[in-house]
């Protein structure tokens, strides 16, 4: 019985940490758009559009047929035809699979962290806005790309240690899914915060 529990424990991270993939719109005329549907069907409601040259489209999953990709749109999820998507390369943070430009945040309180390559901006209602610089990034032992630990710092002895995992995440206030989850710790003179939230890469 113990062996079964161990095997299950080993299987859970692989299932729970599926990273999103990134795509660009392809094969759509310059005067046209790619419809975003409410369900994986061409006859379902049109709830939005992607421009013919959209890049860095964050795909959160696929329907069983593989013909439809699930993406986030405002406060909900939508579906686009994979016929018009090609894989896209996005810059990553150091040796991790975490995309540069990832926007993270949480609710109650509403906080945010933007990761912009060598810099980052942290916002919190009680702390205001603070700019950080990139210090280091590492990947969990035995893993490829993620989970990743990103460390940020300022010249005022403020440090952020953020663990980012490719996993479906929900902010608890909408029906929208996110492709990355984050837990982070802010360590500053006389202050320490532990925050949890979700992240996404804005589309180009």
N, C-alpha and C. Protein backbone atom coordinates (compact mmCIF):
# COMPACT_ATOMS: atom_id res chain seq x y z
N UNK A 1 0.83 -1.21 0.00
CA UNK A 1 0.00 0.00 0.00
C UNK A 1 0.86 1.26 0.00
N UNK A 2 1.95 1.24 0.80
CA UNK A 2 2.84 2.39 0.86
C UNK A 2 3.43 2.68 -0.51
N UNK A 3 3.76 1.62 -1.26
CA UNK A 3 4.34 1.81 -2.58
C UNK A 3 3.35 2.51 -3.51
N UNK A 4 2.06 2.18 -3.40
CA UNK A 4 1.04 2.83 -4.21
C UNK A 4 0.98 4.31 -3.92
N UNK A 5 1.00 4.67 -2.61
CA UNK A 5 0.95 6.08 -2.23
C UNK A 5 2.15 6.83 -2.77
N UNK A 6 3.32 6.21 -2.72
CA UNK A 6 4.53 6.86 -3.23
C UNK A 6 4.42 7.11 -4.72
N UNK A 7 3.93 6.12 -5.46
CA UNK A 7 3.78 6.28 -6.90
C UNK A 7 2.79 7.38 -7.23
N UNK A 8 1.69 7.45 -6.49
CA UNK A 8 0.71 8.51 -6.72
C UNK A 8 1.31 9.87 -6.43
N UNK A 9 2.09 9.97 -5.39
CA UNK A 9 2.72 11.24 -5.05
C UNK A 9 3.67 11.69 -6.14
N UNK A 10 4.34 10.74 -6.77
CA UNK A 10 5.26 11.09 -7.85
C UNK A 10 4.52 11.52 -9.10
N UNK A 11 3.33 10.99 -9.29
CA UNK A 11 2.57 11.32 -10.49
C UNK A 11 1.91 12.69 -10.40
N UNK A 12 1.51 13.13 -9.23
CA UNK A 12 0.75 14.36 -9.08
C UNK A 12 1.43 15.58 -9.67
N UNK A 13 2.74 15.86 -9.39
CA UNK A 13 3.35 17.07 -9.94
C UNK A 13 3.32 17.11 -11.46
N UNK A 14 3.51 15.97 -12.12
CA UNK A 14 3.53 15.96 -13.57
C UNK A 14 2.17 16.34 -14.15
N UNK A 15 1.10 15.96 -13.47
CA UNK A 15 -0.25 16.29 -13.94
C UNK A 15 -0.59 17.74 -13.64
N UNK A 16 -0.19 18.20 -12.48
CA UNK A 16 -0.63 19.51 -12.00
C UNK A 16 0.19 20.66 -12.57
N UNK A 17 1.33 20.35 -13.18
CA UNK A 17 2.22 21.43 -13.60
C UNK A 17 2.38 21.50 -15.11
N UNK A 18 1.31 21.28 -15.85
CA UNK A 18 1.38 21.40 -17.31
C UNK A 18 1.50 22.87 -17.69
N UNK A 19 2.59 23.22 -18.37
CA UNK A 19 2.81 24.62 -18.74
C UNK A 19 1.98 24.99 -19.97
N UNK A 20 1.60 26.25 -20.08
CA UNK A 20 0.92 26.70 -21.30
C UNK A 20 1.90 26.71 -22.47
N UNK A 21 1.38 26.67 -23.67
CA UNK A 21 2.21 26.81 -24.87
C UNK A 21 1.89 28.14 -25.53
N UNK A 22 2.78 28.59 -26.40
CA UNK A 22 2.63 29.91 -27.01
C UNK A 22 2.60 29.80 -28.52
N UNK A 23 1.67 30.56 -29.12
CA UNK A 23 1.40 30.41 -30.54
C UNK A 23 1.21 31.78 -31.19
N UNK A 24 1.29 31.78 -32.51
CA UNK A 24 0.97 32.98 -33.29
C UNK A 24 -0.13 32.63 -34.27
N UNK A 25 -0.92 33.63 -34.61
CA UNK A 25 -1.98 33.42 -35.59
C UNK A 25 -1.36 33.32 -36.98
N UNK A 26 -1.79 32.34 -37.74
CA UNK A 26 -1.22 32.09 -39.07
C UNK A 26 -2.33 31.71 -40.04
N UNK A 27 -2.19 32.13 -41.29
CA UNK A 27 -3.15 31.73 -42.30
C UNK A 27 -4.43 32.55 -42.32
N UNK A 28 -4.45 33.67 -41.61
CA UNK A 28 -5.61 34.56 -41.60
C UNK A 28 -5.27 35.79 -42.43
N UNK A 29 -6.13 36.16 -43.36
CA UNK A 29 -5.88 37.31 -44.24
C UNK A 29 -5.73 38.59 -43.42
N UNK A 30 -4.97 39.54 -43.97
CA UNK A 30 -4.68 40.79 -43.25
C UNK A 30 -5.95 41.58 -42.95
N UNK A 31 -6.99 41.41 -43.74
CA UNK A 31 -8.24 42.14 -43.52
C UNK A 31 -9.20 41.37 -42.60
N UNK A 32 -8.78 40.20 -42.14
CA UNK A 32 -9.68 39.33 -41.38
C UNK A 32 -9.17 39.14 -39.95
N UNK A 33 -9.94 38.43 -39.14
CA UNK A 33 -9.58 38.12 -37.75
C UNK A 33 -9.86 36.65 -37.48
N UNK A 34 -9.28 36.16 -36.39
CA UNK A 34 -9.55 34.80 -35.94
C UNK A 34 -10.56 34.87 -34.80
N UNK A 35 -11.71 34.26 -35.02
CA UNK A 35 -12.79 34.32 -34.02
C UNK A 35 -12.44 33.51 -32.77
N UNK A 36 -12.81 34.06 -31.63
CA UNK A 36 -12.73 33.34 -30.36
C UNK A 36 -14.14 32.87 -30.02
N UNK A 37 -14.31 31.58 -29.82
CA UNK A 37 -15.63 30.99 -29.60
C UNK A 37 -15.85 30.66 -28.12
N UNK A 38 -17.11 30.60 -27.73
CA UNK A 38 -17.45 30.29 -26.34
C UNK A 38 -17.27 28.81 -26.02
N UNK A 39 -17.21 27.98 -27.05
CA UNK A 39 -17.04 26.53 -26.90
C UNK A 39 -16.23 26.03 -28.09
N UNK A 40 -15.67 24.83 -28.01
CA UNK A 40 -14.87 24.31 -29.12
C UNK A 40 -15.72 23.84 -30.29
N UNK A 41 -16.36 24.81 -30.94
CA UNK A 41 -17.23 24.52 -32.08
C UNK A 41 -17.37 25.78 -32.92
N UNK A 42 -17.34 25.63 -34.23
CA UNK A 42 -17.48 26.78 -35.13
C UNK A 42 -18.87 27.38 -35.07
N UNK A 43 -19.83 26.64 -34.55
CA UNK A 43 -21.21 27.14 -34.45
C UNK A 43 -21.50 27.81 -33.10
N UNK A 44 -20.54 27.80 -32.19
CA UNK A 44 -20.75 28.42 -30.88
C UNK A 44 -20.59 29.94 -30.98
N UNK A 45 -20.97 30.63 -29.93
CA UNK A 45 -20.99 32.10 -29.93
C UNK A 45 -19.60 32.70 -30.14
N UNK A 46 -19.55 33.72 -30.97
CA UNK A 46 -18.32 34.49 -31.19
C UNK A 46 -18.20 35.51 -30.05
N UNK A 47 -17.19 35.35 -29.20
CA UNK A 47 -17.06 36.22 -28.02
C UNK A 47 -15.89 37.19 -28.12
N UNK A 48 -15.17 37.15 -29.23
CA UNK A 48 -14.04 38.05 -29.40
C UNK A 48 -13.22 37.64 -30.60
N UNK A 49 -12.12 38.34 -30.81
CA UNK A 49 -11.31 38.07 -31.99
C UNK A 49 -9.82 38.24 -31.68
N UNK A 50 -9.00 37.53 -32.44
CA UNK A 50 -7.56 37.75 -32.44
C UNK A 50 -7.18 38.37 -33.77
N UNK A 51 -6.28 39.35 -33.74
CA UNK A 51 -5.81 39.97 -34.97
C UNK A 51 -5.07 38.95 -35.83
N UNK A 52 -5.01 39.22 -37.12
CA UNK A 52 -4.40 38.27 -38.05
C UNK A 52 -2.93 38.04 -37.77
N UNK A 53 -2.29 38.98 -37.06
CA UNK A 53 -0.86 38.86 -36.78
C UNK A 53 -0.56 38.76 -35.28
N UNK A 54 -1.51 38.29 -34.50
CA UNK A 54 -1.31 38.16 -33.05
C UNK A 54 -0.16 37.20 -32.75
N UNK A 55 0.65 37.59 -31.76
CA UNK A 55 1.77 36.76 -31.31
C UNK A 55 1.62 36.45 -29.83
N UNK A 56 2.40 35.50 -29.37
CA UNK A 56 2.43 35.12 -27.95
C UNK A 56 1.03 34.80 -27.41
N UNK A 57 0.25 34.09 -28.21
CA UNK A 57 -1.08 33.66 -27.76
C UNK A 57 -0.89 32.50 -26.78
N UNK A 58 -1.29 32.72 -25.53
CA UNK A 58 -1.08 31.73 -24.48
C UNK A 58 -2.18 30.68 -24.52
N UNK A 59 -1.81 29.46 -24.88
CA UNK A 59 -2.78 28.36 -24.99
C UNK A 59 -2.73 27.55 -23.70
N UNK A 60 -3.89 27.40 -23.08
CA UNK A 60 -4.00 26.75 -21.78
C UNK A 60 -4.34 25.27 -21.88
N UNK A 61 -4.76 24.83 -23.06
CA UNK A 61 -5.12 23.44 -23.24
C UNK A 61 -5.85 23.25 -24.56
N UNK A 62 -6.23 22.03 -24.84
CA UNK A 62 -6.90 21.69 -26.10
C UNK A 62 -8.12 20.81 -25.82
N UNK A 63 -9.06 20.83 -26.75
CA UNK A 63 -10.19 19.92 -26.63
C UNK A 63 -9.72 18.51 -27.01
N UNK A 64 -10.52 17.48 -26.74
CA UNK A 64 -10.07 16.10 -27.02
C UNK A 64 -9.67 15.85 -28.47
N UNK A 65 -10.27 16.58 -29.40
CA UNK A 65 -9.95 16.37 -30.82
C UNK A 65 -8.62 17.02 -31.21
N UNK A 66 -8.16 17.98 -30.40
CA UNK A 66 -6.96 18.72 -30.75
C UNK A 66 -7.20 19.81 -31.77
N UNK A 67 -8.44 20.01 -32.18
CA UNK A 67 -8.77 21.01 -33.20
C UNK A 67 -9.04 22.39 -32.61
N UNK A 68 -9.19 22.46 -31.30
CA UNK A 68 -9.50 23.73 -30.65
C UNK A 68 -8.58 23.96 -29.47
N UNK A 69 -8.11 25.21 -29.36
CA UNK A 69 -7.22 25.59 -28.27
C UNK A 69 -7.95 26.53 -27.32
N UNK A 70 -7.75 26.32 -26.04
CA UNK A 70 -8.39 27.16 -25.02
C UNK A 70 -7.46 28.31 -24.64
N UNK A 71 -7.98 29.53 -24.70
CA UNK A 71 -7.22 30.71 -24.34
C UNK A 71 -8.05 31.56 -23.38
N UNK A 72 -7.41 32.52 -22.75
CA UNK A 72 -8.12 33.42 -21.84
C UNK A 72 -8.56 34.67 -22.59
N UNK A 73 -9.73 35.17 -22.24
CA UNK A 73 -10.25 36.39 -22.84
C UNK A 73 -10.97 37.18 -21.76
N UNK A 74 -10.39 38.30 -21.36
CA UNK A 74 -10.99 39.15 -20.33
C UNK A 74 -11.29 38.34 -19.07
N UNK A 75 -12.57 38.18 -18.73
CA UNK A 75 -12.93 37.51 -17.48
C UNK A 75 -13.37 36.06 -17.69
N UNK A 76 -13.04 35.49 -18.84
CA UNK A 76 -13.48 34.12 -19.11
C UNK A 76 -12.48 33.43 -20.03
N UNK A 77 -12.76 32.17 -20.35
CA UNK A 77 -11.96 31.43 -21.33
C UNK A 77 -12.71 31.36 -22.65
N UNK A 78 -11.96 31.18 -23.71
CA UNK A 78 -12.56 31.02 -25.03
C UNK A 78 -11.78 29.98 -25.82
N UNK A 79 -12.23 29.73 -27.05
CA UNK A 79 -11.64 28.69 -27.89
C UNK A 79 -11.34 29.24 -29.28
N UNK A 80 -10.19 28.86 -29.82
CA UNK A 80 -9.83 29.23 -31.19
C UNK A 80 -9.40 27.98 -31.95
N UNK A 81 -9.60 28.01 -33.25
CA UNK A 81 -9.25 26.87 -34.09
C UNK A 81 -7.73 26.73 -34.20
N UNK A 82 -7.22 25.52 -33.93
CA UNK A 82 -5.78 25.29 -34.04
C UNK A 82 -5.31 25.29 -35.49
N UNK A 83 -6.24 25.26 -36.42
CA UNK A 83 -5.88 25.32 -37.84
C UNK A 83 -5.14 26.61 -38.15
N UNK A 84 -5.41 27.65 -37.35
CA UNK A 84 -4.83 28.96 -37.62
C UNK A 84 -3.80 29.37 -36.56
N UNK A 85 -3.21 28.38 -35.92
CA UNK A 85 -2.18 28.65 -34.91
C UNK A 85 -0.89 27.91 -35.24
N UNK A 86 0.23 28.60 -35.15
CA UNK A 86 1.55 27.99 -35.23
C UNK A 86 2.29 28.27 -33.94
N UNK A 87 3.22 27.40 -33.58
CA UNK A 87 4.00 27.62 -32.37
C UNK A 87 4.82 28.90 -32.50
N UNK A 88 4.94 29.61 -31.40
CA UNK A 88 5.67 30.87 -31.37
C UNK A 88 6.75 30.79 -30.30
N UNK A 89 7.89 31.41 -30.57
CA UNK A 89 8.96 31.46 -29.60
C UNK A 89 8.84 32.75 -28.79
N UNK A 90 8.90 32.63 -27.48
CA UNK A 90 8.85 33.80 -26.61
C UNK A 90 10.11 33.80 -25.75
N UNK A 91 10.64 34.98 -25.42
CA UNK A 91 11.84 35.04 -24.57
C UNK A 91 11.55 34.46 -23.19
N UNK A 92 12.52 33.77 -22.63
CA UNK A 92 12.37 33.15 -21.31
C UNK A 92 13.37 33.77 -20.33
N UNK A 93 13.03 33.67 -19.06
CA UNK A 93 13.90 34.20 -18.02
C UNK A 93 15.04 33.23 -17.76
N UNK A 94 16.23 33.65 -18.12
CA UNK A 94 17.44 32.87 -17.88
C UNK A 94 17.27 31.45 -18.42
N UNK A 95 17.60 30.43 -17.62
CA UNK A 95 17.52 29.05 -18.08
C UNK A 95 16.18 28.40 -17.75
N UNK A 96 15.21 29.19 -17.31
CA UNK A 96 13.90 28.66 -16.95
C UNK A 96 12.97 28.68 -18.17
N UNK A 97 11.78 28.14 -18.01
CA UNK A 97 10.77 28.22 -19.07
C UNK A 97 9.77 29.34 -18.79
N UNK A 98 10.03 30.16 -17.77
CA UNK A 98 9.15 31.27 -17.42
C UNK A 98 9.32 32.39 -18.45
N UNK A 99 8.24 32.82 -19.11
CA UNK A 99 8.36 33.86 -20.14
C UNK A 99 8.72 35.22 -19.56
N UNK A 100 9.56 35.96 -20.26
CA UNK A 100 9.77 37.36 -19.92
C UNK A 100 8.49 38.13 -20.23
N UNK A 101 8.17 39.10 -19.38
CA UNK A 101 6.96 39.87 -19.57
C UNK A 101 5.75 39.32 -18.87
N UNK A 102 5.94 38.25 -18.08
CA UNK A 102 4.83 37.64 -17.35
C UNK A 102 4.25 38.65 -16.35
N UNK A 103 2.94 38.73 -16.30
CA UNK A 103 2.25 39.60 -15.35
C UNK A 103 1.55 38.72 -14.32
N UNK A 104 1.89 38.94 -13.06
CA UNK A 104 1.33 38.14 -11.97
C UNK A 104 0.53 39.03 -11.03
N UNK A 105 -0.39 38.44 -10.31
CA UNK A 105 -1.16 39.22 -9.36
C UNK A 105 -2.06 38.35 -8.51
N UNK A 106 -2.61 38.97 -7.48
CA UNK A 106 -3.51 38.27 -6.59
C UNK A 106 -4.60 39.20 -6.10
N UNK A 107 -5.54 38.64 -5.40
CA UNK A 107 -6.68 39.42 -4.89
C UNK A 107 -6.72 39.35 -3.37
N UNK A 108 -7.37 40.36 -2.81
CA UNK A 108 -7.58 40.43 -1.36
C UNK A 108 -6.30 40.21 -0.58
N UNK A 109 -5.32 41.08 -0.64
CA UNK A 109 -5.35 42.38 -1.34
C UNK A 109 -4.96 42.23 -2.81
N UNK A 110 -5.24 43.28 -3.59
CA UNK A 110 -4.88 43.28 -5.00
C UNK A 110 -3.42 43.72 -5.13
N UNK A 111 -2.58 42.80 -5.51
CA UNK A 111 -1.17 43.11 -5.70
C UNK A 111 -0.76 42.65 -7.09
N UNK A 112 0.39 43.11 -7.55
CA UNK A 112 0.86 42.75 -8.89
C UNK A 112 2.37 42.67 -8.92
N UNK A 113 2.87 41.83 -9.81
CA UNK A 113 4.30 41.72 -10.06
C UNK A 113 4.50 41.50 -11.55
N UNK A 114 5.20 42.42 -12.20
CA UNK A 114 5.53 42.28 -13.61
C UNK A 114 6.99 41.90 -13.77
N UNK A 115 7.27 40.85 -14.54
CA UNK A 115 8.63 40.38 -14.75
C UNK A 115 9.08 40.76 -16.15
N UNK A 116 9.99 41.72 -16.23
CA UNK A 116 10.37 42.29 -17.53
C UNK A 116 11.85 42.04 -17.84
N UNK A 117 12.23 40.79 -17.89
CA UNK A 117 13.62 40.48 -18.20
C UNK A 117 14.53 40.78 -17.03
N UNK A 118 15.30 41.86 -17.13
CA UNK A 118 16.25 42.21 -16.07
C UNK A 118 15.64 43.07 -14.98
N UNK A 119 14.39 43.47 -15.13
CA UNK A 119 13.74 44.31 -14.13
C UNK A 119 12.37 43.75 -13.79
N UNK A 120 11.80 44.25 -12.71
CA UNK A 120 10.47 43.84 -12.29
C UNK A 120 9.84 45.00 -11.53
N UNK A 121 8.51 45.02 -11.52
CA UNK A 121 7.80 46.04 -10.75
C UNK A 121 6.77 45.35 -9.86
N UNK A 122 6.85 45.65 -8.58
CA UNK A 122 5.95 45.10 -7.57
C UNK A 122 5.02 46.20 -7.09
N UNK A 123 3.72 45.88 -7.00
CA UNK A 123 2.72 46.85 -6.54
C UNK A 123 1.85 46.21 -5.48
N UNK A 124 1.61 46.97 -4.42
CA UNK A 124 0.78 46.49 -3.31
C UNK A 124 0.12 47.71 -2.68
N UNK A 125 -1.16 47.62 -2.31
CA UNK A 125 -1.86 48.80 -1.77
C UNK A 125 -1.19 49.40 -0.53
N UNK A 126 -0.49 48.58 0.23
CA UNK A 126 0.16 49.10 1.43
C UNK A 126 1.62 49.47 1.21
N UNK A 127 2.20 48.96 0.13
CA UNK A 127 3.62 49.20 -0.13
C UNK A 127 3.89 50.16 -1.28
N UNK A 128 2.86 50.44 -2.09
CA UNK A 128 3.06 51.26 -3.27
C UNK A 128 3.74 50.48 -4.38
N UNK A 129 4.39 51.21 -5.30
CA UNK A 129 5.10 50.59 -6.42
C UNK A 129 6.60 50.58 -6.14
N UNK A 130 7.23 49.44 -6.38
CA UNK A 130 8.67 49.31 -6.15
C UNK A 130 9.30 48.62 -7.34
N UNK A 131 10.37 49.19 -7.87
CA UNK A 131 11.12 48.57 -8.96
C UNK A 131 12.23 47.69 -8.41
N UNK A 132 12.33 46.49 -8.93
CA UNK A 132 13.36 45.53 -8.54
C UNK A 132 14.24 45.20 -9.74
N UNK A 133 15.42 44.69 -9.47
CA UNK A 133 16.28 44.17 -10.52
C UNK A 133 16.41 42.66 -10.37
N UNK A 134 16.65 42.00 -11.48
CA UNK A 134 16.80 40.55 -11.50
C UNK A 134 18.10 40.16 -10.79
N UNK A 135 18.01 39.18 -9.92
CA UNK A 135 19.20 38.69 -9.21
C UNK A 135 19.60 37.30 -9.69
N UNK A 136 18.66 36.37 -9.68
CA UNK A 136 18.98 35.01 -10.11
C UNK A 136 17.71 34.24 -10.43
N UNK A 137 17.89 33.13 -11.13
CA UNK A 137 16.77 32.23 -11.44
C UNK A 137 17.29 30.81 -11.46
N UNK A 138 16.53 29.90 -10.91
CA UNK A 138 16.93 28.50 -10.89
C UNK A 138 15.70 27.61 -11.04
N UNK A 139 15.94 26.39 -11.48
CA UNK A 139 14.87 25.43 -11.71
C UNK A 139 14.95 24.34 -10.65
N UNK A 140 13.80 23.86 -10.21
CA UNK A 140 13.76 22.79 -9.20
C UNK A 140 14.56 21.58 -9.68
N UNK A 141 15.29 20.97 -8.75
CA UNK A 141 16.12 19.82 -9.09
C UNK A 141 15.27 18.71 -9.72
N UNK A 142 15.79 18.15 -10.80
CA UNK A 142 15.10 17.07 -11.48
C UNK A 142 14.01 17.52 -12.42
N UNK A 143 13.83 18.85 -12.58
CA UNK A 143 12.80 19.39 -13.47
C UNK A 143 13.44 20.15 -14.62
N UNK A 144 12.68 20.35 -15.67
CA UNK A 144 13.14 21.11 -16.83
C UNK A 144 12.30 22.36 -16.97
N UNK A 145 12.91 23.52 -16.82
CA UNK A 145 12.22 24.78 -17.07
C UNK A 145 11.45 25.34 -15.90
N UNK A 146 10.70 24.51 -15.20
CA UNK A 146 9.88 24.95 -14.08
C UNK A 146 9.49 23.72 -13.25
N UNK A 147 9.13 23.91 -11.98
CA UNK A 147 9.01 25.17 -11.24
C UNK A 147 10.33 25.92 -11.17
N UNK A 148 10.21 27.24 -11.17
CA UNK A 148 11.39 28.09 -11.16
C UNK A 148 11.35 29.04 -9.98
N UNK A 149 12.50 29.27 -9.39
CA UNK A 149 12.64 30.24 -8.32
C UNK A 149 13.35 31.47 -8.88
N UNK A 150 12.66 32.60 -8.89
CA UNK A 150 13.22 33.85 -9.39
C UNK A 150 13.44 34.78 -8.20
N UNK A 151 14.65 35.29 -8.09
CA UNK A 151 14.99 36.20 -6.99
C UNK A 151 15.23 37.60 -7.53
N UNK A 152 14.59 38.57 -6.90
CA UNK A 152 14.69 39.98 -7.28
C UNK A 152 15.17 40.77 -6.08
N UNK A 153 15.81 41.92 -6.33
CA UNK A 153 16.34 42.70 -5.21
C UNK A 153 16.36 44.19 -5.55
N UNK A 154 16.45 45.00 -4.50
CA UNK A 154 16.67 46.44 -4.65
C UNK A 154 17.94 46.81 -3.88
N UNK A 155 18.37 48.07 -4.01
CA UNK A 155 19.54 48.53 -3.26
C UNK A 155 19.16 48.97 -1.85
N UNK A 156 17.91 48.70 -1.45
CA UNK A 156 17.45 49.05 -0.11
C UNK A 156 17.19 47.79 0.73
N UNK A 157 17.89 46.72 0.38
CA UNK A 157 17.79 45.46 1.11
C UNK A 157 16.39 44.85 1.07
N UNK A 158 15.70 45.07 -0.04
CA UNK A 158 14.40 44.44 -0.26
C UNK A 158 14.60 43.28 -1.24
N UNK A 159 14.03 42.15 -0.92
CA UNK A 159 14.20 40.95 -1.75
C UNK A 159 12.84 40.30 -1.99
N UNK A 160 12.63 39.86 -3.22
CA UNK A 160 11.47 39.04 -3.55
C UNK A 160 11.98 37.68 -4.03
N UNK A 161 11.44 36.63 -3.45
CA UNK A 161 11.69 35.27 -3.91
C UNK A 161 10.37 34.71 -4.42
N UNK A 162 10.30 34.47 -5.71
CA UNK A 162 9.05 34.05 -6.34
C UNK A 162 9.21 32.67 -6.96
N UNK A 163 8.31 31.76 -6.62
CA UNK A 163 8.28 30.44 -7.24
C UNK A 163 7.15 30.40 -8.25
N UNK A 164 7.51 30.12 -9.49
CA UNK A 164 6.53 30.11 -10.59
C UNK A 164 6.41 28.70 -11.14
N UNK A 165 5.16 28.28 -11.30
CA UNK A 165 4.86 26.93 -11.76
C UNK A 165 3.86 26.99 -12.91
N UNK A 166 4.15 26.27 -13.97
CA UNK A 166 3.19 26.17 -15.07
C UNK A 166 2.03 25.29 -14.65
N UNK A 167 0.90 25.90 -14.36
CA UNK A 167 -0.26 25.16 -13.86
C UNK A 167 -1.50 26.01 -14.03
N UNK A 168 -2.63 25.38 -14.30
CA UNK A 168 -3.88 26.11 -14.41
C UNK A 168 -4.19 26.78 -13.08
N UNK A 169 -4.50 28.07 -13.14
CA UNK A 169 -4.69 28.87 -11.94
C UNK A 169 -5.93 29.74 -12.12
N UNK A 170 -6.64 30.00 -11.03
CA UNK A 170 -7.82 30.85 -11.07
C UNK A 170 -7.72 31.89 -9.97
N UNK A 171 -8.14 33.13 -10.29
CA UNK A 171 -8.01 34.21 -9.32
C UNK A 171 -9.11 34.23 -8.27
N UNK A 172 -10.10 33.34 -8.40
CA UNK A 172 -11.17 33.26 -7.42
C UNK A 172 -12.25 34.31 -7.59
N UNK A 173 -12.10 35.19 -8.60
CA UNK A 173 -13.08 36.26 -8.79
C UNK A 173 -13.67 36.27 -10.19
N UNK A 174 -13.19 35.41 -11.08
CA UNK A 174 -13.69 35.38 -12.45
C UNK A 174 -13.68 33.94 -12.94
N UNK A 175 -14.18 33.75 -14.17
CA UNK A 175 -14.17 32.43 -14.80
C UNK A 175 -12.95 32.25 -15.69
N UNK A 176 -12.02 33.17 -15.61
CA UNK A 176 -10.82 33.12 -16.45
C UNK A 176 -9.77 32.20 -15.85
N UNK A 177 -9.11 31.44 -16.72
CA UNK A 177 -8.00 30.60 -16.30
C UNK A 177 -6.68 31.28 -16.64
N UNK A 178 -5.68 30.99 -15.84
CA UNK A 178 -4.33 31.50 -16.06
C UNK A 178 -3.38 30.32 -16.24
N UNK A 179 -2.29 30.54 -16.94
CA UNK A 179 -1.37 29.45 -17.25
C UNK A 179 -0.25 29.23 -16.25
N UNK A 180 -0.06 30.20 -15.35
CA UNK A 180 1.02 30.10 -14.37
C UNK A 180 0.51 30.44 -12.98
N UNK A 181 1.04 29.78 -11.98
CA UNK A 181 0.76 30.13 -10.59
C UNK A 181 2.04 30.65 -9.95
N UNK A 182 1.88 31.50 -8.94
CA UNK A 182 3.03 32.09 -8.26
C UNK A 182 2.81 32.10 -6.75
N UNK A 183 3.84 31.77 -6.02
CA UNK A 183 3.90 32.05 -4.59
C UNK A 183 5.16 32.88 -4.40
N UNK A 184 5.06 33.97 -3.66
CA UNK A 184 6.22 34.84 -3.51
C UNK A 184 6.32 35.37 -2.09
N UNK A 185 7.55 35.64 -1.72
CA UNK A 185 7.83 36.19 -0.41
C UNK A 185 8.60 37.50 -0.58
N UNK A 186 8.09 38.54 0.03
CA UNK A 186 8.78 39.83 0.07
C UNK A 186 9.46 39.96 1.42
N UNK A 187 10.76 40.18 1.39
CA UNK A 187 11.53 40.35 2.61
C UNK A 187 12.16 41.74 2.56
N UNK A 188 11.81 42.57 3.53
CA UNK A 188 12.31 43.94 3.58
C UNK A 188 12.55 44.30 5.04
N UNK A 189 13.36 45.33 5.30
CA UNK A 189 13.61 45.73 6.68
C UNK A 189 12.30 46.00 7.44
N UNK A 190 12.06 45.23 8.48
CA UNK A 190 10.87 45.40 9.29
C UNK A 190 9.58 44.92 8.66
N UNK A 191 9.68 44.18 7.56
CA UNK A 191 8.46 43.77 6.86
C UNK A 191 8.69 42.45 6.13
N UNK A 192 7.66 41.64 6.11
CA UNK A 192 7.70 40.37 5.38
C UNK A 192 6.29 40.05 4.91
N UNK A 193 6.17 39.71 3.63
CA UNK A 193 4.86 39.32 3.08
C UNK A 193 4.99 37.99 2.35
N UNK A 194 3.93 37.20 2.44
CA UNK A 194 3.84 35.95 1.70
C UNK A 194 2.57 36.01 0.87
N UNK A 195 2.72 35.97 -0.46
CA UNK A 195 1.59 36.18 -1.37
C UNK A 195 1.47 35.02 -2.35
N UNK A 196 0.25 34.83 -2.83
CA UNK A 196 -0.04 33.77 -3.79
C UNK A 196 -0.95 34.34 -4.87
N UNK A 197 -0.73 33.92 -6.12
CA UNK A 197 -1.57 34.44 -7.19
C UNK A 197 -1.39 33.68 -8.49
N UNK A 198 -1.83 34.30 -9.57
CA UNK A 198 -1.79 33.72 -10.91
C UNK A 198 -1.04 34.66 -11.86
N UNK A 199 -0.58 34.11 -12.98
CA UNK A 199 0.18 34.90 -13.95
C UNK A 199 -0.26 34.58 -15.37
N UNK A 200 -0.05 35.55 -16.27
CA UNK A 200 -0.29 35.33 -17.69
C UNK A 200 0.69 36.17 -18.50
N UNK A 201 0.88 35.79 -19.74
CA UNK A 201 1.70 36.56 -20.66
C UNK A 201 0.78 37.33 -21.59
N UNK A 202 0.82 38.66 -21.57
CA UNK A 202 -0.05 39.44 -22.47
C UNK A 202 0.27 39.13 -23.93
N UNK A 203 -0.76 39.11 -24.75
CA UNK A 203 -0.57 38.87 -26.18
C UNK A 203 0.00 40.09 -26.87
N UNK A 204 0.81 39.84 -27.92
CA UNK A 204 1.32 40.93 -28.76
C UNK A 204 0.27 41.31 -29.79
